[in-house]
Amino acid sequence: MSDPTDPKDPTDATDLSPDGDVNPIETDYEIGQDNVQVSLGPLGLDIHNPVFLISGLTIIAFVVFSLLMREQASAFFE
């Protein structure tokens, strides 16, 4: 499996550069361009809208569901 003479050995992670010509796609996209940046005193927040919204709503739904169904939730976690 791991032949030291094989240049394409997948277990050798020392050289990760591409073998042939690379043509990156030129776009106007900048990393983090859609993020909302908020400053709360010395703290700075960089929020990615879809991820923050989905994860926040999921956490809130789980907590509300757990509080509403307290007996069933306690039986599940016993």
PDB file of N, CA and C in Angstrom:
ATOM      1  N   MET A   1       0.813  -1.187   0.000  1.00  0.00           N
ATOM      2  CA  MET A   1       0.000   0.000   0.000  1.00  0.00           C
ATOM      3  C   MET A   1       0.858   1.252   0.000  1.00  0.00           C
ATOM      4  N   SER A   2       1.775   1.357   0.930  1.00  0.00           N
ATOM      5  CA  SER A   2       2.574   2.561   1.076  1.00  0.00           C
ATOM      6  C   SER A   2       3.947   2.341   0.450  1.00  0.00           C
ATOM      7  N   ASP A   3       4.044   2.567  -0.844  1.00  0.00           N
ATOM      8  CA  ASP A   3       5.290   2.384  -1.576  1.00  0.00           C
ATOM      9  C   ASP A   3       6.046   3.710  -1.597  1.00  0.00           C
ATOM     10  N   PRO A   4       7.251   3.780  -0.984  1.00  0.00           N
ATOM     11  CA  PRO A   4       7.985   5.051  -0.938  1.00  0.00           C
ATOM     12  C   PRO A   4       8.431   5.544  -2.307  1.00  0.00           C
ATOM     13  N   THR A   5       8.485   4.681  -3.322  1.00  0.00           N
ATOM     14  CA  THR A   5       8.903   5.115  -4.654  1.00  0.00           C
ATOM     15  C   THR A   5       7.736   5.637  -5.483  1.00  0.00           C
ATOM     16  N   ASP A   6       6.504   5.451  -5.006  1.00  0.00           N
ATOM     17  CA  ASP A   6       5.326   5.901  -5.737  1.00  0.00           C
ATOM     18  C   ASP A   6       5.100   7.390  -5.468  1.00  0.00           C
ATOM     19  N   PRO A   7       5.200   8.253  -6.491  1.00  0.00           N
ATOM     20  CA  PRO A   7       5.022   9.688  -6.255  1.00  0.00           C
ATOM     21  C   PRO A   7       3.579  10.076  -5.941  1.00  0.00           C
ATOM     22  N   LYS A   8       2.615   9.221  -6.243  1.00  0.00           N
ATOM     23  CA  LYS A   8       1.202   9.522  -6.007  1.00  0.00           C
ATOM     24  C   LYS A   8       0.672   8.824  -4.760  1.00  0.00           C
ATOM     25  N   ASP A   9       1.538   8.467  -3.831  1.00  0.00           N
ATOM     26  CA  ASP A   9       1.123   7.765  -2.618  1.00  0.00           C
ATOM     27  C   ASP A   9       0.210   8.669  -1.794  1.00  0.00           C
ATOM     28  N   PRO A  10      -1.057   8.267  -1.561  1.00  0.00           N
ATOM     29  CA  PRO A  10      -1.989   9.136  -0.831  1.00  0.00           C
ATOM     30  C   PRO A  10      -1.644   9.318   0.641  1.00  0.00           C
ATOM     31  N   THR A  11      -0.794   8.467   1.198  1.00  0.00           N
ATOM     32  CA  THR A  11      -0.431   8.609   2.608  1.00  0.00           C
ATOM     33  C   THR A  11       0.671   9.647   2.798  1.00  0.00           C
ATOM     34  N   ASP A  12       1.316  10.072   1.716  1.00  0.00           N
ATOM     35  CA  ASP A  12       2.371  11.076   1.793  1.00  0.00           C
ATOM     36  C   ASP A  12       1.751  12.463   1.633  1.00  0.00           C
ATOM     37  N   ALA A  13       1.598  13.179   2.738  1.00  0.00           N
ATOM     38  CA  ALA A  13       0.944  14.485   2.713  1.00  0.00           C
ATOM     39  C   ALA A  13       1.947  15.630   2.765  1.00  0.00           C
ATOM     40  N   THR A  14       3.207  15.376   2.394  1.00  0.00           N
ATOM     41  CA  THR A  14       4.208  16.434   2.481  1.00  0.00           C
ATOM     42  C   THR A  14       4.064  17.450   1.355  1.00  0.00           C
ATOM     43  N   ASP A  15       3.702  17.021   0.149  1.00  0.00           N
ATOM     44  CA  ASP A  15       3.573  17.935  -0.982  1.00  0.00           C
ATOM     45  C   ASP A  15       2.127  17.937  -1.463  1.00  0.00           C
ATOM     46  N   LEU A  16       1.412  19.018  -1.172  1.00  0.00           N
ATOM     47  CA  LEU A  16       0.011  19.106  -1.553  1.00  0.00           C
ATOM     48  C   LEU A  16      -0.211  20.016  -2.755  1.00  0.00           C
ATOM     49  N   SER A  17       0.858  20.369  -3.461  1.00  0.00           N
ATOM     50  CA  SER A  17       0.702  21.241  -4.618  1.00  0.00           C
ATOM     51  C   SER A  17       0.145  20.447  -5.798  1.00  0.00           C
ATOM     52  N   PRO A  18      -0.612  21.113  -6.692  1.00  0.00           N
ATOM     53  CA  PRO A  18      -1.194  20.410  -7.836  1.00  0.00           C
ATOM     54  C   PRO A  18      -0.129  19.958  -8.816  1.00  0.00           C
ATOM     55  N   ASP A  19      -0.440  18.903  -9.571  1.00  0.00           N
ATOM     56  CA  ASP A  19       0.516  18.337 -10.521  1.00  0.00           C
ATOM     57  C   ASP A  19       0.568  19.100 -11.842  1.00  0.00           C
ATOM     58  N   GLY A  20      -0.567  19.638 -12.291  1.00  0.00           N
ATOM     59  CA  GLY A  20      -0.618  20.298 -13.587  1.00  0.00           C
ATOM     60  C   GLY A  20      -0.949  21.766 -13.475  1.00  0.00           C
ATOM     61  N   ASP A  21      -1.384  22.320 -14.618  1.00  0.00           N
ATOM     62  CA  ASP A  21      -1.773  23.727 -14.647  1.00  0.00           C
ATOM     63  C   ASP A  21      -3.030  23.941 -13.816  1.00  0.00           C
ATOM     64  N   VAL A  22      -3.057  25.042 -13.114  1.00  0.00           N
ATOM     65  CA  VAL A  22      -4.206  25.393 -12.288  1.00  0.00           C
ATOM     66  C   VAL A  22      -4.740  26.736 -12.770  1.00  0.00           C
ATOM     67  N   ASN A  23      -6.028  26.760 -13.058  1.00  0.00           N
ATOM     68  CA  ASN A  23      -6.673  27.989 -13.499  1.00  0.00           C
ATOM     69  C   ASN A  23      -7.761  28.361 -12.503  1.00  0.00           C
ATOM     70  N   PRO A  24      -7.434  29.177 -11.503  1.00  0.00           N
ATOM     71  CA  PRO A  24      -8.471  29.556 -10.537  1.00  0.00           C
ATOM     72  C   PRO A  24      -9.534  30.422 -11.211  1.00  0.00           C
ATOM     73  N   ILE A  25     -10.752  30.290 -10.745  1.00  0.00           N
ATOM     74  CA  ILE A  25     -11.856  31.072 -11.288  1.00  0.00           C
ATOM     75  C   ILE A  25     -11.837  32.448 -10.631  1.00  0.00           C
ATOM     76  N   GLU A  26     -11.794  33.473 -11.442  1.00  0.00           N
ATOM     77  CA  GLU A  26     -11.782  34.840 -10.937  1.00  0.00           C
ATOM     78  C   GLU A  26     -13.218  35.294 -10.686  1.00  0.00           C
ATOM     79  N   THR A  27     -13.512  35.693  -9.460  1.00  0.00           N
ATOM     80  CA  THR A  27     -14.840  36.208  -9.115  1.00  0.00           C
ATOM     81  C   THR A  27     -14.682  37.475  -8.284  1.00  0.00           C
ATOM     82  N   ASP A  28     -15.788  38.161  -8.075  1.00  0.00           N
ATOM     83  CA  ASP A  28     -15.786  39.361  -7.240  1.00  0.00           C
ATOM     84  C   ASP A  28     -16.036  39.031  -5.783  1.00  0.00           C
ATOM     85  N   TYR A  29     -16.213  37.752  -5.463  1.00  0.00           N
ATOM     86  CA  TYR A  29     -16.547  37.339  -4.098  1.00  0.00           C
ATOM     87  C   TYR A  29     -15.362  37.557  -3.166  1.00  0.00           C
ATOM     88  N   GLU A  30     -15.639  38.150  -2.030  1.00  0.00           N
ATOM     89  CA  GLU A  30     -14.647  38.317  -0.975  1.00  0.00           C
ATOM     90  C   GLU A  30     -15.083  37.483   0.216  1.00  0.00           C
ATOM     91  N   ILE A  31     -14.162  36.813   0.859  1.00  0.00           N
ATOM     92  CA  ILE A  31     -14.490  35.987   2.015  1.00  0.00           C
ATOM     93  C   ILE A  31     -15.082  36.867   3.109  1.00  0.00           C
ATOM     94  N   GLY A  32     -16.253  36.469   3.592  1.00  0.00           N
ATOM     95  CA  GLY A  32     -16.911  37.206   4.657  1.00  0.00           C
ATOM     96  C   GLY A  32     -17.660  38.441   4.205  1.00  0.00           C
ATOM     97  N   GLN A  33     -17.900  38.586   2.912  1.00  0.00           N
ATOM     98  CA  GLN A  33     -18.540  39.805   2.416  1.00  0.00           C
ATOM     99  C   GLN A  33     -19.978  39.968   2.902  1.00  0.00           C
ATOM    100  N   ASP A  34     -20.661  38.869   3.221  1.00  0.00           N
ATOM    101  CA  ASP A  34     -22.052  38.943   3.658  1.00  0.00           C
ATOM    102  C   ASP A  34     -22.196  38.893   5.174  1.00  0.00           C
ATOM    103  N   ASN A  35     -21.100  38.867   5.892  1.00  0.00           N
ATOM    104  CA  ASN A  35     -21.159  38.795   7.350  1.00  0.00           C
ATOM    105  C   ASN A  35     -21.559  40.134   7.945  1.00  0.00           C
ATOM    106  N   VAL A  36     -22.219  40.067   9.092  1.00  0.00           N
ATOM    107  CA  VAL A  36     -22.594  41.269   9.834  1.00  0.00           C
ATOM    108  C   VAL A  36     -21.570  41.444  10.947  1.00  0.00           C
ATOM    109  N   GLN A  37     -20.956  42.603  11.017  1.00  0.00           N
ATOM    110  CA  GLN A  37     -19.949  42.864  12.039  1.00  0.00           C
ATOM    111  C   GLN A  37     -20.523  43.821  13.073  1.00  0.00           C
ATOM    112  N   VAL A  38     -20.500  43.387  14.339  1.00  0.00           N
ATOM    113  CA  VAL A  38     -21.055  44.152  15.447  1.00  0.00           C
ATOM    114  C   VAL A  38     -19.961  44.331  16.488  1.00  0.00           C
ATOM    115  N   SER A  39     -19.901  45.497  17.079  1.00  0.00           N
ATOM    116  CA  SER A  39     -18.929  45.756  18.126  1.00  0.00           C
ATOM    117  C   SER A  39     -19.670  46.051  19.417  1.00  0.00           C
ATOM    118  N   LEU A  40     -19.404  45.242  20.446  1.00  0.00           N
ATOM    119  CA  LEU A  40     -19.995  45.433  21.766  1.00  0.00           C
ATOM    120  C   LEU A  40     -18.879  45.759  22.748  1.00  0.00           C
ATOM    121  N   GLY A  41     -18.568  47.033  22.871  1.00  0.00           N
ATOM    122  CA  GLY A  41     -17.456  47.434  23.725  1.00  0.00           C
ATOM    123  C   GLY A  41     -16.151  46.904  23.157  1.00  0.00           C
ATOM    124  N   PRO A  42     -15.370  46.196  23.979  1.00  0.00           N
ATOM    125  CA  PRO A  42     -14.105  45.663  23.480  1.00  0.00           C
ATOM    126  C   PRO A  42     -14.274  44.383  22.661  1.00  0.00           C
ATOM    127  N   LEU A  43     -15.485  43.836  22.648  1.00  0.00           N
ATOM    128  CA  LEU A  43     -15.726  42.595  21.919  1.00  0.00           C
ATOM    129  C   LEU A  43     -16.253  42.885  20.521  1.00  0.00           C
ATOM    130  N   GLY A  44     -15.747  42.155  19.559  1.00  0.00           N
ATOM    131  CA  GLY A  44     -16.244  42.274  18.201  1.00  0.00           C
ATOM    132  C   GLY A  44     -16.864  40.964  17.757  1.00  0.00           C
ATOM    133  N   LEU A  45     -18.004  41.052  17.096  1.00  0.00           N
ATOM    134  CA  LEU A  45     -18.682  39.860  16.601  1.00  0.00           C
ATOM    135  C   LEU A  45     -18.726  39.910  15.085  1.00  0.00           C
ATOM    136  N   ASP A  46     -18.503  38.764  14.461  1.00  0.00           N
ATOM    137  CA  ASP A  46     -18.602  38.625  13.019  1.00  0.00           C
ATOM    138  C   ASP A  46     -19.583  37.489  12.776  1.00  0.00           C
ATOM    139  N   ILE A  47     -20.813  37.831  12.396  1.00  0.00           N
ATOM    140  CA  ILE A  47     -21.894  36.852  12.316  1.00  0.00           C
ATOM    141  C   ILE A  47     -22.211  36.555  10.858  1.00  0.00           C
ATOM    142  N   HIS A  48     -22.243  35.267  10.523  1.00  0.00           N
ATOM    143  CA  HIS A  48     -22.666  34.837   9.195  1.00  0.00           C
ATOM    144  C   HIS A  48     -24.164  34.582   9.269  1.00  0.00           C
ATOM    145  N   ASN A  49     -24.951  35.388   8.585  1.00  0.00           N
ATOM    146  CA  ASN A  49     -26.400  35.397   8.748  1.00  0.00           C
ATOM    147  C   ASN A  49     -27.083  34.035   8.684  1.00  0.00           C
ATOM    148  N   PRO A  50     -26.987  33.267   7.608  1.00  0.00           N
ATOM    149  CA  PRO A  50     -27.751  32.010   7.560  1.00  0.00           C
ATOM    150  C   PRO A  50     -27.340  31.031   8.649  1.00  0.00           C
ATOM    151  N   VAL A  51     -26.068  30.909   8.907  1.00  0.00           N
ATOM    152  CA  VAL A  51     -25.588  29.952   9.904  1.00  0.00           C
ATOM    153  C   VAL A  51     -26.052  30.361  11.295  1.00  0.00           C
ATOM    154  N   PHE A  52     -25.921  31.622  11.631  1.00  0.00           N
ATOM    155  CA  PHE A  52     -26.323  32.104  12.947  1.00  0.00           C
ATOM    156  C   PHE A  52     -27.822  31.951  13.149  1.00  0.00           C
ATOM    157  N   LEU A  53     -28.604  32.284  12.150  1.00  0.00           N
ATOM    158  CA  LEU A  53     -30.056  32.191  12.252  1.00  0.00           C
ATOM    159  C   LEU A  53     -30.506  30.746  12.439  1.00  0.00           C
ATOM    160  N   ILE A  54     -29.996  29.840  11.623  1.00  0.00           N
ATOM    161  CA  ILE A  54     -30.404  28.431  11.705  1.00  0.00           C
ATOM    162  C   ILE A  54     -29.971  27.810  13.023  1.00  0.00           C
ATOM    163  N   SER A  55     -28.734  28.028  13.428  1.00  0.00           N
ATOM    164  CA  SER A  55     -28.262  27.421  14.676  1.00  0.00           C
ATOM    165  C   SER A  55     -28.955  28.040  15.886  1.00  0.00           C
ATOM    166  N   GLY A  56     -29.179  29.340  15.863  1.00  0.00           N
ATOM    167  CA  GLY A  56     -29.867  29.997  16.973  1.00  0.00           C
ATOM    168  C   GLY A  56     -31.297  29.516  17.130  1.00  0.00           C
ATOM    169  N   LEU A  57     -32.025  29.420  16.026  1.00  0.00           N
ATOM    170  CA  LEU A  57     -33.408  28.934  16.083  1.00  0.00           C
ATOM    171  C   LEU A  57     -33.478  27.469  16.500  1.00  0.00           C
ATOM    172  N   THR A  58     -32.509  26.673  16.079  1.00  0.00           N
ATOM    173  CA  THR A  58     -32.475  25.261  16.479  1.00  0.00           C
ATOM    174  C   THR A  58     -32.272  25.136  17.983  1.00  0.00           C
ATOM    175  N   ILE A  59     -31.373  25.911  18.538  1.00  0.00           N
ATOM    176  CA  ILE A  59     -31.124  25.868  19.985  1.00  0.00           C
ATOM    177  C   ILE A  59     -32.355  26.331  20.756  1.00  0.00           C
ATOM    178  N   ILE A  60     -32.963  27.421  20.315  1.00  0.00           N
ATOM    179  CA  ILE A  60     -34.167  27.925  20.994  1.00  0.00           C
ATOM    180  C   ILE A  60     -35.296  26.903  20.923  1.00  0.00           C
ATOM    181  N   ALA A  61     -35.505  26.279  19.765  1.00  0.00           N
ATOM    182  CA  ALA A  61     -36.561  25.274  19.620  1.00  0.00           C
ATOM    183  C   ALA A  61     -36.297  24.079  20.531  1.00  0.00           C
ATOM    184  N   PHE A  62     -35.052  23.639  20.632  1.00  0.00           N
ATOM    185  CA  PHE A  62     -34.719  22.508  21.493  1.00  0.00           C
ATOM    186  C   PHE A  62     -34.993  22.837  22.960  1.00  0.00           C
ATOM    187  N   VAL A  63     -34.598  24.017  23.399  1.00  0.00           N
ATOM    188  CA  VAL A  63     -34.815  24.412  24.795  1.00  0.00           C
ATOM    189  C   VAL A  63     -36.307  24.540  25.094  1.00  0.00           C
ATOM    190  N   VAL A  64     -37.057  25.194  24.219  1.00  0.00           N
ATOM    191  CA  VAL A  64     -38.501  25.352  24.435  1.00  0.00           C
ATOM    192  C   VAL A  64     -39.187  23.994  24.446  1.00  0.00           C
ATOM    193  N   PHE A  65     -38.843  23.131  23.506  1.00  0.00           N
ATOM    194  CA  PHE A  65     -39.436  21.795  23.448  1.00  0.00           C
ATOM    195  C   PHE A  65     -39.100  21.002  24.711  1.00  0.00           C
ATOM    196  N   SER A  66     -37.868  21.108  25.178  1.00  0.00           N
ATOM    197  CA  SER A  66     -37.468  20.393  26.398  1.00  0.00           C
ATOM    198  C   SER A  66     -38.218  20.911  27.617  1.00  0.00           C
ATOM    199  N   LEU A  67     -38.460  22.217  27.691  1.00  0.00           N
ATOM    200  CA  LEU A  67     -39.195  22.778  28.822  1.00  0.00           C
ATOM    201  C   LEU A  67     -40.681  22.426  28.765  1.00  0.00           C
ATOM    202  N   LEU A  68     -41.242  22.388  27.574  1.00  0.00           N
ATOM    203  CA  LEU A  68     -42.658  22.039  27.441  1.00  0.00           C
ATOM    204  C   LEU A  68     -42.904  20.555  27.700  1.00  0.00           C
ATOM    205  N   MET A  69     -41.988  19.726  27.312  1.00  0.00           N
ATOM    206  CA  MET A  69     -42.127  18.276  27.456  1.00  0.00           C
ATOM    207  C   MET A  69     -41.156  17.766  28.512  1.00  0.00           C
ATOM    208  N   ARG A  70     -41.187  18.366  29.690  1.00  0.00           N
ATOM    209  CA  ARG A  70     -40.220  18.070  30.744  1.00  0.00           C
ATOM    210  C   ARG A  70     -40.252  16.602  31.165  1.00  0.00           C
ATOM    211  N   GLU A  71     -41.426  16.027  31.364  1.00  0.00           N
ATOM    212  CA  GLU A  71     -41.524  14.632  31.819  1.00  0.00           C
ATOM    213  C   GLU A  71     -41.008  13.669  30.756  1.00  0.00           C
ATOM    214  N   GLN A  72     -41.386  13.881  29.513  1.00  0.00           N
ATOM    215  CA  GLN A  72     -40.913  13.007  28.442  1.00  0.00           C
ATOM    216  C   GLN A  72     -39.405  13.157  28.247  1.00  0.00           C
ATOM    217  N   ALA A  73     -38.902  14.373  28.372  1.00  0.00           N
ATOM    218  CA  ALA A  73     -37.468  14.599  28.214  1.00  0.00           C
ATOM    219  C   ALA A  73     -36.688  13.940  29.343  1.00  0.00           C
ATOM    220  N   SER A  74     -37.209  14.009  30.580  1.00  0.00           N
ATOM    221  CA  SER A  74     -36.501  13.380  31.699  1.00  0.00           C
ATOM    222  C   SER A  74     -36.506  11.864  31.558  1.00  0.00           C
ATOM    223  N   ALA A  75     -37.580  11.295  31.039  1.00  0.00           N
ATOM    224  CA  ALA A  75     -37.617   9.848  30.812  1.00  0.00           C
ATOM    225  C   ALA A  75     -36.623   9.452  29.722  1.00  0.00           C
ATOM    226  N   PHE A  76     -36.474  10.298  28.743  1.00  0.00           N
ATOM    227  CA  PHE A  76     -35.536  10.008  27.654  1.00  0.00           C
ATOM    228  C   PHE A  76     -34.090  10.021  28.144  1.00  0.00           C
ATOM    229  N   PHE A  77     -33.752  10.935  29.049  1.00  0.00           N
ATOM    230  CA  PHE A  77     -32.376  11.082  29.509  1.00  0.00           C
ATOM    231  C   PHE A  77     -32.043  10.232  30.732  1.00  0.00           C
ATOM    232  N   GLU A  78     -32.984   9.409  31.221  1.00  0.00           N
ATOM    233  CA  GLU A  78     -32.692   8.537  32.371  1.00  0.00           C
ATOM    234  C   GLU A  78     -31.969   7.299  31.933  1.00  0.00           C
TER     235      GLU A  78
END
